[in-house]
């Protein structure tokens, strides 16, 4: 079971998945959510990008779903989380990045502090409820930087200390029949940076997640 495998690595703590758009972050979380719900786990899914939509389908009883693109709403939700086995925040970076460019210097500083606040609320929830939390995020912008794109840290990286593990997603290959994404260690207490932890294949038959740990 994917949930149990992640808990064995991360413990009752917070994992961050970060990577560019289209590298499988949300898909990985959705597969984890489906499996956890199917196995009777209670899941809280906080959606800032409208990646889920229950307007026309019935939501499982053991899934609590919140949607808002507003950072203040997401922070308030995380401050009042119900008891659950799994918390997913998809994504932390989106509501911040979309407002970051037009914000004043003070507002930008406040946004980065709010990233730390979100991490704190999730860390407390996992500790109190013996749960796992996963946060998806984007890398910092490569604009004006000389380092390779795959070496860029996650957005709001001052909050990194709050995560037990940080893994990076990457698009490995894609064609009209199938897309393959990898999940690699970035900052880990168990694995060296760059170690492949999972490969995820997405095609018309569904999603296959192959573990390498």
N, C-alpha and C. Protein backbone atom coordinates (compact mmCIF):
# COMPACT_ATOMS: atom_id res chain seq x y z
N UNK A 1 0.85 -1.19 0.00
CA UNK A 1 0.00 0.00 0.00
C UNK A 1 0.88 1.24 0.00
N UNK A 2 0.62 2.15 -0.91
CA UNK A 2 1.45 3.35 -1.07
C UNK A 2 1.47 4.19 0.21
N UNK A 3 0.32 4.34 0.85
CA UNK A 3 0.25 5.13 2.09
C UNK A 3 1.19 4.57 3.14
N UNK A 4 1.16 3.28 3.35
CA UNK A 4 2.01 2.66 4.37
C UNK A 4 3.48 2.77 4.02
N UNK A 5 3.81 2.69 2.73
CA UNK A 5 5.19 2.83 2.30
C UNK A 5 5.71 4.24 2.60
N UNK A 6 4.86 5.25 2.36
CA UNK A 6 5.26 6.63 2.64
C UNK A 6 5.40 6.88 4.13
N UNK A 7 4.47 6.34 4.93
CA UNK A 7 4.56 6.50 6.38
C UNK A 7 5.82 5.85 6.92
N UNK A 8 6.21 4.74 6.35
CA UNK A 8 7.44 4.06 6.79
C UNK A 8 8.66 4.95 6.58
N UNK A 9 8.65 5.75 5.51
CA UNK A 9 9.77 6.64 5.21
C UNK A 9 9.66 7.98 5.94
N UNK A 10 8.47 8.58 5.87
CA UNK A 10 8.28 9.94 6.38
C UNK A 10 7.85 9.95 7.84
N UNK A 11 7.21 8.88 8.29
CA UNK A 11 6.64 8.86 9.63
C UNK A 11 5.36 9.67 9.66
N UNK A 12 4.93 10.05 10.85
CA UNK A 12 3.76 10.90 11.01
C UNK A 12 4.23 12.35 10.92
N UNK A 13 4.49 12.77 9.69
CA UNK A 13 5.12 14.07 9.45
C UNK A 13 4.73 14.56 8.06
N UNK A 14 5.47 15.57 7.57
CA UNK A 14 5.09 16.24 6.33
C UNK A 14 6.13 15.99 5.23
N UNK A 15 5.65 15.60 4.06
CA UNK A 15 6.46 15.40 2.87
C UNK A 15 6.11 16.49 1.85
N UNK A 16 7.13 17.09 1.26
CA UNK A 16 6.88 18.04 0.17
C UNK A 16 7.31 17.42 -1.16
N UNK A 17 6.40 17.50 -2.14
CA UNK A 17 6.70 17.14 -3.53
C UNK A 17 6.75 18.43 -4.32
N UNK A 18 7.87 18.72 -4.96
CA UNK A 18 7.92 19.92 -5.77
C UNK A 18 8.46 19.60 -7.15
N UNK A 19 8.03 20.39 -8.12
CA UNK A 19 8.46 20.19 -9.49
C UNK A 19 7.67 21.08 -10.42
N UNK A 20 8.11 21.14 -11.66
CA UNK A 20 7.43 21.97 -12.65
C UNK A 20 6.03 21.45 -12.95
N UNK A 21 5.22 22.29 -13.56
CA UNK A 21 3.88 21.89 -14.00
C UNK A 21 3.97 20.71 -14.96
N UNK A 22 3.10 19.73 -14.77
CA UNK A 22 3.08 18.58 -15.67
C UNK A 22 4.07 17.49 -15.35
N UNK A 23 4.60 17.48 -14.11
CA UNK A 23 5.58 16.46 -13.75
C UNK A 23 5.01 15.41 -12.79
N UNK A 24 3.70 15.40 -12.62
CA UNK A 24 3.06 14.29 -11.91
C UNK A 24 2.75 14.50 -10.44
N UNK A 25 2.93 15.72 -9.93
CA UNK A 25 2.69 15.96 -8.50
C UNK A 25 1.25 15.64 -8.11
N UNK A 26 0.32 16.27 -8.81
CA UNK A 26 -1.10 16.07 -8.47
C UNK A 26 -1.52 14.64 -8.74
N UNK A 27 -1.05 14.06 -9.83
CA UNK A 27 -1.44 12.68 -10.16
C UNK A 27 -1.00 11.71 -9.07
N UNK A 28 0.21 11.90 -8.55
CA UNK A 28 0.70 11.06 -7.46
C UNK A 28 -0.21 11.19 -6.23
N UNK A 29 -0.57 12.44 -5.91
CA UNK A 29 -1.44 12.68 -4.75
C UNK A 29 -2.83 12.08 -4.95
N UNK A 30 -3.35 12.18 -6.15
CA UNK A 30 -4.67 11.62 -6.43
C UNK A 30 -4.67 10.10 -6.29
N UNK A 31 -3.62 9.45 -6.79
CA UNK A 31 -3.54 7.99 -6.66
C UNK A 31 -3.40 7.59 -5.20
N UNK A 32 -2.61 8.35 -4.44
CA UNK A 32 -2.48 8.08 -3.01
C UNK A 32 -3.82 8.27 -2.30
N UNK A 33 -4.53 9.35 -2.64
CA UNK A 33 -5.83 9.62 -2.03
C UNK A 33 -6.82 8.50 -2.33
N UNK A 34 -6.90 8.08 -3.59
CA UNK A 34 -7.85 7.02 -3.97
C UNK A 34 -7.56 5.73 -3.21
N UNK A 35 -6.29 5.37 -3.13
CA UNK A 35 -5.92 4.14 -2.45
C UNK A 35 -6.24 4.23 -0.96
N UNK A 36 -5.92 5.38 -0.34
CA UNK A 36 -6.17 5.55 1.09
C UNK A 36 -7.66 5.50 1.40
N UNK A 37 -8.46 6.20 0.60
CA UNK A 37 -9.92 6.20 0.81
C UNK A 37 -10.48 4.78 0.64
N UNK A 38 -10.03 4.08 -0.38
CA UNK A 38 -10.49 2.72 -0.64
C UNK A 38 -10.20 1.79 0.54
N UNK A 39 -9.09 2.06 1.23
CA UNK A 39 -8.68 1.22 2.36
C UNK A 39 -9.16 1.75 3.71
N UNK A 40 -10.14 2.67 3.67
CA UNK A 40 -10.79 3.11 4.90
C UNK A 40 -10.10 4.23 5.65
N UNK A 41 -9.07 4.83 5.06
CA UNK A 41 -8.40 5.95 5.69
C UNK A 41 -9.22 7.23 5.50
N UNK A 42 -9.18 8.11 6.49
CA UNK A 42 -9.83 9.42 6.33
C UNK A 42 -8.83 10.38 5.71
N UNK A 43 -9.24 11.06 4.64
CA UNK A 43 -8.35 11.94 3.89
C UNK A 43 -8.94 13.35 3.85
N UNK A 44 -8.09 14.34 4.07
CA UNK A 44 -8.45 15.75 3.88
C UNK A 44 -7.64 16.26 2.69
N UNK A 45 -8.34 16.69 1.64
CA UNK A 45 -7.69 17.18 0.43
C UNK A 45 -7.99 18.67 0.29
N UNK A 46 -6.93 19.49 0.35
CA UNK A 46 -7.05 20.94 0.22
C UNK A 46 -6.54 21.31 -1.16
N UNK A 47 -7.41 21.87 -1.97
CA UNK A 47 -7.16 22.08 -3.39
C UNK A 47 -7.13 23.58 -3.70
N UNK A 48 -5.99 24.07 -4.20
CA UNK A 48 -5.89 25.49 -4.55
C UNK A 48 -5.97 25.72 -6.06
N UNK A 49 -6.05 24.62 -6.83
CA UNK A 49 -6.01 24.74 -8.29
C UNK A 49 -7.24 24.15 -8.99
N UNK A 50 -8.21 23.70 -8.21
CA UNK A 50 -9.40 23.06 -8.75
C UNK A 50 -9.04 21.82 -9.56
N UNK A 51 -8.15 21.00 -8.98
CA UNK A 51 -7.77 19.75 -9.62
C UNK A 51 -8.81 18.66 -9.40
N UNK A 52 -9.66 18.83 -8.39
CA UNK A 52 -10.77 17.91 -8.16
C UNK A 52 -12.08 18.67 -8.32
N UNK A 53 -13.12 17.96 -8.66
CA UNK A 53 -14.41 18.60 -8.82
C UNK A 53 -15.50 17.59 -8.48
N UNK A 54 -16.22 17.85 -7.38
CA UNK A 54 -17.26 16.93 -6.94
C UNK A 54 -18.66 17.49 -7.21
N UNK A 55 -18.75 18.46 -8.11
CA UNK A 55 -20.06 19.06 -8.41
C UNK A 55 -21.02 18.05 -9.03
N UNK A 56 -20.49 17.07 -9.77
CA UNK A 56 -21.35 16.15 -10.50
C UNK A 56 -21.18 14.69 -10.08
N UNK A 57 -20.29 14.44 -9.13
CA UNK A 57 -20.11 13.06 -8.67
C UNK A 57 -20.18 13.04 -7.14
N UNK A 58 -20.50 11.88 -6.60
CA UNK A 58 -20.63 11.74 -5.16
C UNK A 58 -19.26 11.61 -4.51
N UNK A 59 -19.03 12.39 -3.48
CA UNK A 59 -17.76 12.37 -2.76
C UNK A 59 -17.79 11.24 -1.73
N UNK A 60 -16.71 10.47 -1.62
CA UNK A 60 -16.67 9.41 -0.60
C UNK A 60 -16.84 10.00 0.80
N UNK A 61 -17.46 9.22 1.70
CA UNK A 61 -17.73 9.71 3.06
C UNK A 61 -16.46 10.00 3.84
N UNK A 62 -15.40 9.25 3.58
CA UNK A 62 -14.17 9.45 4.35
C UNK A 62 -13.18 10.39 3.66
N UNK A 63 -13.69 11.23 2.74
CA UNK A 63 -12.88 12.26 2.09
C UNK A 63 -13.48 13.63 2.41
N UNK A 64 -12.66 14.49 3.01
CA UNK A 64 -13.05 15.88 3.27
C UNK A 64 -12.32 16.74 2.24
N UNK A 65 -13.08 17.52 1.49
CA UNK A 65 -12.50 18.29 0.38
C UNK A 65 -12.76 19.78 0.56
N UNK A 66 -11.69 20.57 0.45
CA UNK A 66 -11.78 22.03 0.50
C UNK A 66 -11.17 22.60 -0.78
N UNK A 67 -11.85 23.57 -1.36
CA UNK A 67 -11.26 24.28 -2.51
C UNK A 67 -11.27 25.77 -2.26
N UNK A 68 -10.12 26.40 -2.49
CA UNK A 68 -10.02 27.87 -2.51
C UNK A 68 -8.70 28.25 -3.16
N UNK A 69 -8.71 29.26 -4.04
CA UNK A 69 -7.45 29.77 -4.61
C UNK A 69 -6.84 30.87 -3.76
N UNK A 70 -7.51 31.23 -2.65
CA UNK A 70 -7.05 32.31 -1.78
C UNK A 70 -6.15 31.77 -0.67
N UNK A 71 -4.96 32.35 -0.54
CA UNK A 71 -4.00 31.89 0.46
C UNK A 71 -4.57 32.01 1.87
N UNK A 72 -5.27 33.10 2.16
CA UNK A 72 -5.81 33.30 3.51
C UNK A 72 -6.82 32.22 3.87
N UNK A 73 -7.61 31.77 2.89
CA UNK A 73 -8.58 30.71 3.13
C UNK A 73 -7.89 29.38 3.41
N UNK A 74 -6.82 29.12 2.66
CA UNK A 74 -6.07 27.87 2.84
C UNK A 74 -5.41 27.84 4.21
N UNK A 75 -4.85 28.96 4.63
CA UNK A 75 -4.23 29.04 5.95
C UNK A 75 -5.27 28.80 7.04
N UNK A 76 -6.44 29.40 6.91
CA UNK A 76 -7.50 29.22 7.89
C UNK A 76 -7.96 27.76 7.94
N UNK A 77 -8.05 27.12 6.77
CA UNK A 77 -8.42 25.71 6.72
C UNK A 77 -7.40 24.85 7.43
N UNK A 78 -6.12 25.12 7.18
CA UNK A 78 -5.05 24.33 7.80
C UNK A 78 -4.96 24.57 9.30
N UNK A 79 -5.39 25.75 9.74
CA UNK A 79 -5.38 26.05 11.17
C UNK A 79 -6.48 25.29 11.92
N UNK A 80 -7.46 24.76 11.18
CA UNK A 80 -8.61 24.11 11.81
C UNK A 80 -8.87 22.74 11.19
N UNK A 81 -7.82 21.99 10.98
CA UNK A 81 -7.96 20.69 10.32
C UNK A 81 -8.66 19.67 11.22
N UNK A 82 -9.58 18.90 10.66
CA UNK A 82 -10.18 17.81 11.43
C UNK A 82 -9.21 16.63 11.53
N UNK A 83 -9.54 15.69 12.39
CA UNK A 83 -8.71 14.50 12.53
C UNK A 83 -8.77 13.69 11.25
N UNK A 84 -7.60 13.22 10.79
CA UNK A 84 -7.54 12.42 9.57
C UNK A 84 -6.27 11.57 9.58
N UNK A 85 -6.20 10.65 8.63
CA UNK A 85 -5.00 9.82 8.46
C UNK A 85 -4.04 10.43 7.44
N UNK A 86 -4.60 11.20 6.50
CA UNK A 86 -3.80 11.76 5.41
C UNK A 86 -4.31 13.16 5.08
N UNK A 87 -3.37 14.10 5.03
CA UNK A 87 -3.67 15.47 4.60
C UNK A 87 -2.91 15.74 3.31
N UNK A 88 -3.59 16.30 2.32
CA UNK A 88 -2.95 16.66 1.06
C UNK A 88 -3.25 18.13 0.78
N UNK A 89 -2.20 18.92 0.56
CA UNK A 89 -2.35 20.32 0.15
C UNK A 89 -1.77 20.45 -1.25
N UNK A 90 -2.64 20.67 -2.21
CA UNK A 90 -2.25 20.73 -3.62
C UNK A 90 -2.81 22.02 -4.25
N UNK A 91 -2.04 23.10 -4.34
CA UNK A 91 -0.64 23.18 -3.99
C UNK A 91 -0.39 24.40 -3.10
N UNK A 92 0.70 24.39 -2.37
CA UNK A 92 1.07 25.54 -1.56
C UNK A 92 1.56 26.69 -2.43
N UNK A 93 2.34 26.37 -3.45
CA UNK A 93 2.98 27.42 -4.25
C UNK A 93 2.03 28.20 -5.13
N UNK A 94 0.97 27.55 -5.66
CA UNK A 94 0.12 28.21 -6.64
C UNK A 94 -0.51 29.51 -6.14
N UNK A 95 -1.20 29.53 -4.99
CA UNK A 95 -1.83 30.78 -4.57
C UNK A 95 -0.82 31.86 -4.19
N UNK A 96 0.40 31.44 -3.84
CA UNK A 96 1.43 32.43 -3.50
C UNK A 96 2.05 33.00 -4.77
N UNK A 97 2.44 32.11 -5.68
CA UNK A 97 3.11 32.55 -6.91
C UNK A 97 2.22 33.46 -7.74
N UNK A 98 0.92 33.18 -7.79
CA UNK A 98 0.02 33.98 -8.62
C UNK A 98 -0.12 35.41 -8.11
N UNK A 99 0.13 35.62 -6.81
CA UNK A 99 0.02 36.96 -6.23
C UNK A 99 1.38 37.62 -6.01
N UNK A 100 2.44 36.83 -6.11
CA UNK A 100 3.77 37.28 -5.69
C UNK A 100 4.28 38.43 -6.55
N UNK A 101 4.10 38.34 -7.86
CA UNK A 101 4.68 39.32 -8.77
C UNK A 101 4.13 40.73 -8.55
N UNK A 102 2.86 40.84 -8.15
CA UNK A 102 2.25 42.15 -8.00
C UNK A 102 2.24 42.64 -6.54
N UNK A 103 2.89 41.89 -5.67
CA UNK A 103 2.92 42.26 -4.26
C UNK A 103 4.07 43.21 -3.96
N UNK A 104 3.90 44.01 -2.91
CA UNK A 104 4.98 44.88 -2.43
C UNK A 104 6.04 44.02 -1.74
N UNK A 105 7.20 44.60 -1.44
CA UNK A 105 8.26 43.86 -0.78
C UNK A 105 7.79 43.31 0.57
N UNK A 106 7.05 44.13 1.30
CA UNK A 106 6.53 43.68 2.60
C UNK A 106 5.56 42.53 2.41
N UNK A 107 4.67 42.66 1.42
CA UNK A 107 3.69 41.60 1.17
C UNK A 107 4.37 40.31 0.74
N UNK A 108 5.45 40.43 -0.05
CA UNK A 108 6.19 39.24 -0.46
C UNK A 108 6.79 38.54 0.75
N UNK A 109 7.36 39.33 1.66
CA UNK A 109 7.92 38.76 2.88
C UNK A 109 6.85 38.07 3.71
N UNK A 110 5.67 38.70 3.77
CA UNK A 110 4.56 38.11 4.53
C UNK A 110 4.12 36.78 3.91
N UNK A 111 4.12 36.72 2.57
CA UNK A 111 3.71 35.48 1.90
C UNK A 111 4.66 34.33 2.23
N UNK A 112 5.95 34.62 2.25
CA UNK A 112 6.92 33.58 2.56
C UNK A 112 6.76 33.11 4.01
N UNK A 113 6.44 34.04 4.91
CA UNK A 113 6.18 33.66 6.29
C UNK A 113 4.92 32.79 6.38
N UNK A 114 3.95 33.07 5.53
CA UNK A 114 2.73 32.28 5.53
C UNK A 114 2.99 30.86 5.04
N UNK A 115 3.98 30.69 4.16
CA UNK A 115 4.38 29.33 3.75
C UNK A 115 4.87 28.55 4.97
N UNK A 116 5.64 29.23 5.82
CA UNK A 116 6.12 28.59 7.06
C UNK A 116 4.94 28.26 7.96
N UNK A 117 3.97 29.18 8.03
CA UNK A 117 2.79 28.97 8.86
C UNK A 117 2.00 27.73 8.42
N UNK A 118 1.83 27.59 7.10
CA UNK A 118 1.12 26.41 6.57
C UNK A 118 1.83 25.12 6.97
N UNK A 119 3.14 25.13 6.84
CA UNK A 119 3.92 23.95 7.22
C UNK A 119 3.73 23.63 8.69
N UNK A 120 3.72 24.67 9.52
CA UNK A 120 3.55 24.48 10.97
C UNK A 120 2.20 23.83 11.27
N UNK A 121 1.13 24.34 10.68
CA UNK A 121 -0.20 23.78 10.96
C UNK A 121 -0.28 22.31 10.54
N UNK A 122 0.30 21.98 9.40
CA UNK A 122 0.27 20.60 8.95
C UNK A 122 1.13 19.70 9.84
N UNK A 123 2.25 20.22 10.27
CA UNK A 123 3.14 19.44 11.13
C UNK A 123 2.46 19.13 12.46
N UNK A 124 1.75 20.11 13.00
CA UNK A 124 1.02 19.89 14.25
C UNK A 124 -0.09 18.86 14.05
N UNK A 125 -0.81 18.95 12.92
CA UNK A 125 -1.90 18.01 12.65
C UNK A 125 -1.39 16.58 12.52
N UNK A 126 -0.25 16.40 11.85
CA UNK A 126 0.29 15.04 11.70
C UNK A 126 0.75 14.49 13.04
N UNK A 127 1.30 15.36 13.88
CA UNK A 127 1.76 14.94 15.21
C UNK A 127 0.59 14.56 16.11
N UNK A 128 -0.44 15.39 16.12
CA UNK A 128 -1.58 15.14 17.00
C UNK A 128 -2.37 13.90 16.57
N UNK A 129 -2.48 13.68 15.29
CA UNK A 129 -3.37 12.64 14.78
C UNK A 129 -2.64 11.42 14.23
N UNK A 130 -1.32 11.37 14.40
CA UNK A 130 -0.52 10.27 13.87
C UNK A 130 -0.84 10.05 12.39
N UNK A 131 -0.69 11.13 11.64
CA UNK A 131 -1.08 11.14 10.23
C UNK A 131 0.12 11.48 9.34
N UNK A 132 -0.12 11.41 8.04
CA UNK A 132 0.85 11.80 7.03
C UNK A 132 0.29 13.02 6.29
N UNK A 133 1.16 13.97 5.94
CA UNK A 133 0.74 15.11 5.13
C UNK A 133 1.67 15.23 3.92
N UNK A 134 1.07 15.57 2.77
CA UNK A 134 1.84 15.82 1.56
C UNK A 134 1.47 17.19 1.03
N UNK A 135 2.48 17.98 0.74
CA UNK A 135 2.30 19.32 0.17
C UNK A 135 2.97 19.35 -1.19
N UNK A 136 2.26 19.81 -2.22
CA UNK A 136 2.89 20.00 -3.52
C UNK A 136 3.28 21.46 -3.68
N UNK A 137 4.32 21.68 -4.47
CA UNK A 137 4.90 23.02 -4.59
C UNK A 137 5.60 23.14 -5.94
N UNK A 138 5.94 24.36 -6.31
CA UNK A 138 6.69 24.63 -7.53
C UNK A 138 8.13 25.01 -7.17
N UNK A 139 9.07 24.83 -8.10
CA UNK A 139 10.42 25.35 -7.87
C UNK A 139 10.45 26.86 -8.05
N UNK A 140 11.49 27.50 -7.53
CA UNK A 140 11.63 28.94 -7.74
C UNK A 140 11.81 29.21 -9.24
N UNK A 141 11.53 30.44 -9.65
CA UNK A 141 11.66 30.79 -11.06
C UNK A 141 13.12 30.75 -11.48
N UNK A 142 13.42 30.18 -12.67
CA UNK A 142 14.81 30.15 -13.14
C UNK A 142 15.27 31.48 -13.74
N UNK A 143 14.38 32.48 -13.82
CA UNK A 143 14.71 33.76 -14.44
C UNK A 143 15.91 34.41 -13.76
N UNK A 144 16.93 34.71 -14.57
CA UNK A 144 18.11 35.40 -14.07
C UNK A 144 19.05 34.54 -13.25
N UNK A 145 18.82 33.23 -13.22
CA UNK A 145 19.67 32.34 -12.43
C UNK A 145 20.59 31.55 -13.36
N UNK A 146 21.78 31.24 -12.86
CA UNK A 146 22.76 30.52 -13.67
C UNK A 146 22.78 29.02 -13.35
N UNK A 147 22.11 28.61 -12.28
CA UNK A 147 22.12 27.20 -11.92
C UNK A 147 21.17 26.43 -12.83
N UNK A 148 21.44 25.15 -13.10
CA UNK A 148 20.53 24.35 -13.93
C UNK A 148 19.15 24.29 -13.30
N UNK A 149 18.12 24.20 -14.15
CA UNK A 149 16.75 24.19 -13.66
C UNK A 149 16.50 23.06 -12.66
N UNK A 150 17.10 21.89 -12.90
CA UNK A 150 16.82 20.79 -11.99
C UNK A 150 17.53 20.92 -10.65
N UNK A 151 18.30 22.00 -10.47
CA UNK A 151 18.93 22.27 -9.18
C UNK A 151 18.23 23.38 -8.40
N UNK A 152 17.18 23.97 -8.99
CA UNK A 152 16.46 25.05 -8.31
C UNK A 152 15.68 24.48 -7.13
N UNK A 153 15.71 25.16 -5.98
CA UNK A 153 14.98 24.69 -4.80
C UNK A 153 13.50 25.00 -4.91
N UNK A 154 12.68 24.47 -3.99
CA UNK A 154 11.25 24.77 -4.01
C UNK A 154 10.96 26.22 -3.66
N UNK A 155 9.85 26.74 -4.17
CA UNK A 155 9.44 28.09 -3.85
C UNK A 155 9.17 28.20 -2.35
N UNK A 156 9.56 29.34 -1.78
CA UNK A 156 9.39 29.52 -0.34
C UNK A 156 10.28 28.59 0.46
N UNK A 157 11.52 28.42 0.01
CA UNK A 157 12.38 27.39 0.59
C UNK A 157 12.81 27.67 2.02
N UNK A 158 12.49 28.85 2.56
CA UNK A 158 12.79 29.12 3.97
C UNK A 158 11.95 28.24 4.89
N UNK A 159 10.91 27.63 4.34
CA UNK A 159 10.07 26.74 5.15
C UNK A 159 10.53 25.29 5.07
N UNK A 160 11.66 25.05 4.39
CA UNK A 160 12.10 23.67 4.17
C UNK A 160 12.35 22.90 5.46
N UNK A 161 12.79 23.62 6.50
CA UNK A 161 13.13 22.93 7.75
C UNK A 161 11.92 22.23 8.36
N UNK A 162 10.70 22.63 7.98
CA UNK A 162 9.50 22.02 8.54
C UNK A 162 9.11 20.70 7.92
N UNK A 163 9.80 20.29 6.85
CA UNK A 163 9.44 19.06 6.14
C UNK A 163 10.39 17.93 6.53
N UNK A 164 9.83 16.76 6.77
CA UNK A 164 10.66 15.60 7.08
C UNK A 164 11.44 15.16 5.85
N UNK A 165 10.76 15.19 4.68
CA UNK A 165 11.38 14.82 3.42
C UNK A 165 10.93 15.80 2.34
N UNK A 166 11.83 16.10 1.40
CA UNK A 166 11.48 16.91 0.23
C UNK A 166 11.93 16.14 -1.00
N UNK A 167 10.98 15.85 -1.90
CA UNK A 167 11.26 15.09 -3.11
C UNK A 167 10.89 15.92 -4.32
N UNK A 168 11.59 15.68 -5.42
CA UNK A 168 11.35 16.45 -6.64
C UNK A 168 10.77 15.57 -7.73
N UNK A 169 9.77 16.08 -8.43
CA UNK A 169 9.18 15.36 -9.56
C UNK A 169 9.79 15.88 -10.86
N UNK A 170 9.88 14.99 -11.84
CA UNK A 170 10.47 15.37 -13.12
C UNK A 170 9.81 14.60 -14.25
N UNK A 171 9.56 15.29 -15.36
CA UNK A 171 9.06 14.63 -16.56
C UNK A 171 10.22 13.92 -17.24
N UNK A 172 10.12 12.61 -17.36
CA UNK A 172 11.20 11.83 -17.96
C UNK A 172 11.02 11.68 -19.47
N UNK A 173 9.83 11.36 -19.89
CA UNK A 173 9.55 11.22 -21.33
C UNK A 173 8.04 11.23 -21.54
N UNK A 174 7.66 11.64 -22.73
CA UNK A 174 6.24 11.66 -23.04
C UNK A 174 6.04 11.52 -24.55
N UNK A 175 4.99 10.84 -24.92
CA UNK A 175 4.60 10.74 -26.33
C UNK A 175 3.07 10.62 -26.36
N UNK A 176 2.52 10.35 -27.52
CA UNK A 176 1.06 10.35 -27.65
C UNK A 176 0.41 9.18 -26.91
N UNK A 177 1.21 8.19 -26.53
CA UNK A 177 0.65 7.01 -25.87
C UNK A 177 0.86 6.98 -24.36
N UNK A 178 1.95 7.61 -23.89
CA UNK A 178 2.28 7.46 -22.47
C UNK A 178 3.20 8.58 -21.98
N UNK A 179 3.01 8.95 -20.72
CA UNK A 179 3.89 9.91 -20.05
C UNK A 179 4.52 9.24 -18.84
N UNK A 180 5.81 9.42 -18.68
CA UNK A 180 6.52 8.86 -17.53
C UNK A 180 7.16 9.98 -16.73
N UNK A 181 6.86 10.00 -15.42
CA UNK A 181 7.44 10.98 -14.50
C UNK A 181 8.19 10.26 -13.40
N UNK A 182 9.23 10.90 -12.89
CA UNK A 182 9.99 10.32 -11.79
C UNK A 182 9.81 11.16 -10.53
N UNK A 183 9.98 10.51 -9.39
CA UNK A 183 10.05 11.20 -8.10
C UNK A 183 11.39 10.84 -7.50
N UNK A 184 12.21 11.88 -7.26
CA UNK A 184 13.58 11.68 -6.77
C UNK A 184 13.79 12.40 -5.45
N UNK A 185 14.68 11.88 -4.64
CA UNK A 185 15.02 12.54 -3.38
C UNK A 185 15.69 13.88 -3.67
N UNK A 186 15.32 14.88 -2.89
CA UNK A 186 15.95 16.20 -2.99
C UNK A 186 16.68 16.53 -1.70
N UNK A 187 15.91 16.66 -0.62
CA UNK A 187 16.51 16.77 0.70
C UNK A 187 15.90 15.68 1.55
N UNK A 188 16.71 14.70 1.89
CA UNK A 188 16.20 13.50 2.52
C UNK A 188 17.11 13.05 3.65
N UNK A 189 16.50 12.48 4.67
CA UNK A 189 17.27 11.89 5.77
C UNK A 189 17.64 10.44 5.49
N UNK A 190 17.07 9.88 4.43
CA UNK A 190 17.28 8.46 4.15
C UNK A 190 17.99 8.19 2.82
N UNK A 191 17.88 9.13 1.87
CA UNK A 191 18.38 8.86 0.52
C UNK A 191 19.26 10.01 0.05
N UNK A 192 20.22 9.69 -0.82
CA UNK A 192 21.04 10.71 -1.43
C UNK A 192 20.26 11.49 -2.48
N UNK A 193 20.63 12.76 -2.68
CA UNK A 193 19.91 13.58 -3.65
C UNK A 193 20.00 12.96 -5.04
N UNK A 194 18.86 12.89 -5.70
CA UNK A 194 18.80 12.35 -7.06
C UNK A 194 18.41 10.89 -7.13
N UNK A 195 18.34 10.20 -5.98
CA UNK A 195 17.94 8.79 -6.03
C UNK A 195 16.48 8.69 -6.48
N UNK A 196 16.22 7.83 -7.46
CA UNK A 196 14.85 7.62 -7.92
C UNK A 196 14.08 6.81 -6.88
N UNK A 197 12.97 7.37 -6.43
CA UNK A 197 12.14 6.70 -5.44
C UNK A 197 10.91 6.04 -6.07
N UNK A 198 10.33 6.72 -7.08
CA UNK A 198 9.16 6.18 -7.79
C UNK A 198 9.24 6.57 -9.26
N UNK A 199 8.73 5.71 -10.12
CA UNK A 199 8.44 6.05 -11.51
C UNK A 199 6.93 5.92 -11.70
N UNK A 200 6.34 6.89 -12.35
CA UNK A 200 4.90 6.90 -12.56
C UNK A 200 4.60 6.96 -14.04
N UNK A 201 3.87 5.95 -14.53
CA UNK A 201 3.49 5.90 -15.93
C UNK A 201 2.01 6.21 -16.06
N UNK A 202 1.68 7.13 -16.97
CA UNK A 202 0.30 7.56 -17.17
C UNK A 202 -0.08 7.30 -18.62
N UNK A 203 -1.12 6.50 -18.83
CA UNK A 203 -1.59 6.22 -20.19
C UNK A 203 -3.10 6.01 -20.17
N UNK A 204 -3.67 5.58 -21.29
CA UNK A 204 -5.12 5.45 -21.36
C UNK A 204 -5.67 4.30 -20.52
N UNK A 205 -4.79 3.50 -19.97
CA UNK A 205 -5.23 2.43 -19.07
C UNK A 205 -5.28 2.87 -17.62
N UNK A 206 -4.69 4.06 -17.34
CA UNK A 206 -4.67 4.55 -15.97
C UNK A 206 -3.28 4.98 -15.55
N UNK A 207 -3.00 4.83 -14.26
CA UNK A 207 -1.73 5.26 -13.67
C UNK A 207 -1.06 4.08 -13.00
N UNK A 208 0.22 3.90 -13.28
CA UNK A 208 1.01 2.86 -12.62
C UNK A 208 2.17 3.52 -11.89
N UNK A 209 2.27 3.27 -10.58
CA UNK A 209 3.36 3.83 -9.78
C UNK A 209 4.27 2.69 -9.35
N UNK A 210 5.52 2.75 -9.81
CA UNK A 210 6.49 1.70 -9.50
C UNK A 210 7.49 2.22 -8.47
N UNK A 211 7.54 1.60 -7.28
CA UNK A 211 8.48 2.04 -6.26
C UNK A 211 9.89 1.47 -6.48
N UNK A 212 10.90 2.24 -6.09
CA UNK A 212 12.29 1.78 -6.14
C UNK A 212 12.90 1.80 -4.73
N UNK A 213 12.03 1.77 -3.73
CA UNK A 213 12.48 1.81 -2.33
C UNK A 213 11.76 0.72 -1.54
